[in-house]
Amino acid sequence: MSSHTPHGHSPLRTVQVLGGGSGGSSAHVRSLAAGLVARGVRVTVCAPTEVARTLGFRDVGAHHIPVPRRSDPASVAALRLACADADLVHAHGLNAAVRTALALSGRRTPLVVTWHTRTHAEGARAHLLRLLERRVARSASVVLGTSSDLVDRARRRGARDARLAAVAFPGPRRAGTSADADDDADRPLHKARAELGAIDRPLLMAVSALERHRGYETLLDATRAWRHLDPVPLVVIAGEGPLRGALQRRIEDEGLPVRILGRRDDVPELLAAADIALLPSPWEARSVLAQEALHARVPLVATAVGGVPDLVGDAAELVPSGDAQALADAVVRILADPGRRDQLRALGEAQVATWPTEDETVAQVLSVYDELTGTLTA
């Protein structure tokens, strides 16, 4: 692989700023850091210590500076110092972008911002959110959105230059799938189904934080519609959050066939054991669950919102947001039709092949850096 640094020139110095980091944005930053370092770019990652420890930025050759997610003066000052010698700064997510815009105030350092998702808020907080988004959009030299509606949102907030980002999914985190693994590879899948109590019944899986705006009330409504099936499908939800208590009470009060697993570090293994993956969210950009499901060749039922239709194409059953009956009908249809399940697996495999590779993602980001810094790409 050729170096990004032309002969006789100093390496491009970049700072990547990451807040708490969702699973998708954190994986993206690690992948991006590895690709940039491989091309001769100097990369410093400013992120909370626990995030950096999990992702291992130093393992891919990046320098890590611990910066808390907070926006207090001390944290902003630490970020400002970390960016002092940077040729360009790239912030990921709204929280990181707000802090970075404050830290770069008065400097001419180019700022690239990637919007991986959008924050939900109501009332006074929604007004504050719009102000913060406007501040970030107008401060950034370029805004990269992971879905077309995020690009449109950035433009509405006043971005001078907003583009669709090429964001690669780093790939499946385990080998083998429930559909076509050999006997040895099947054993962990059988073990996972046994643990969850789904040896002789369909297993459906959802993954996300247990928060408002994740569609779990709609999902619980849908489970009532398939309790007549024999055997009754089991829904498992991997995630933790403030709604756990309310969701658990409803599951128990209504006798719903749902288990909340809490936070798990074996989601890929559990997902590979599932018969169907469920994404009931009222909005998504570039859903990690959708990508993992298609990678694992697990049929997906998802809401037709945000960036989901562009991401999955015709490789998933898409239903309207908030429509529990449509969600239930799609699940029942797929469970009753082995041919449709096989078709969705094949379509998913084909769709995955259309997604940007890590190489293409790094190439797009480097082209943006070149525009803003005047460097030459080898």
Foldseek 3Di string as FASTA:
>chain_A
DEAQADPPDQAAEEEEEEAQDDPQQLQQVLLLLLLNVVRVHAYEYEYAPVSCVVSVSVVSPHHYDYAHLDLDPVSLCSLLVVCVPHQAYEYEALSRLLSVLVSCPPHPRAYEYEHQWADDDDDPVVVVSLVSLLSSQPSHQEYEYCFPVVQVSSVVSPHPYYYHAQTADQAQPDDAFCPDGDPVVCVLLCVLCVVVVNNPAAEEEEEDAPDPQQQVVLQQVLQVVQVPDVVRYAYEYAHYYDCVVVSVVVCVVVVGRYYYDYHDPPVLSNLRSHQEYERQGQAHAQDPSLLSCLSNLHEYEHEPHHRVCVQLPPLHHYDHHPNSNSSNVRVVVCVVDVVVSVVSNVSSVVSSVPGDHSNRSNVVVVVVSCVSNVRGGD
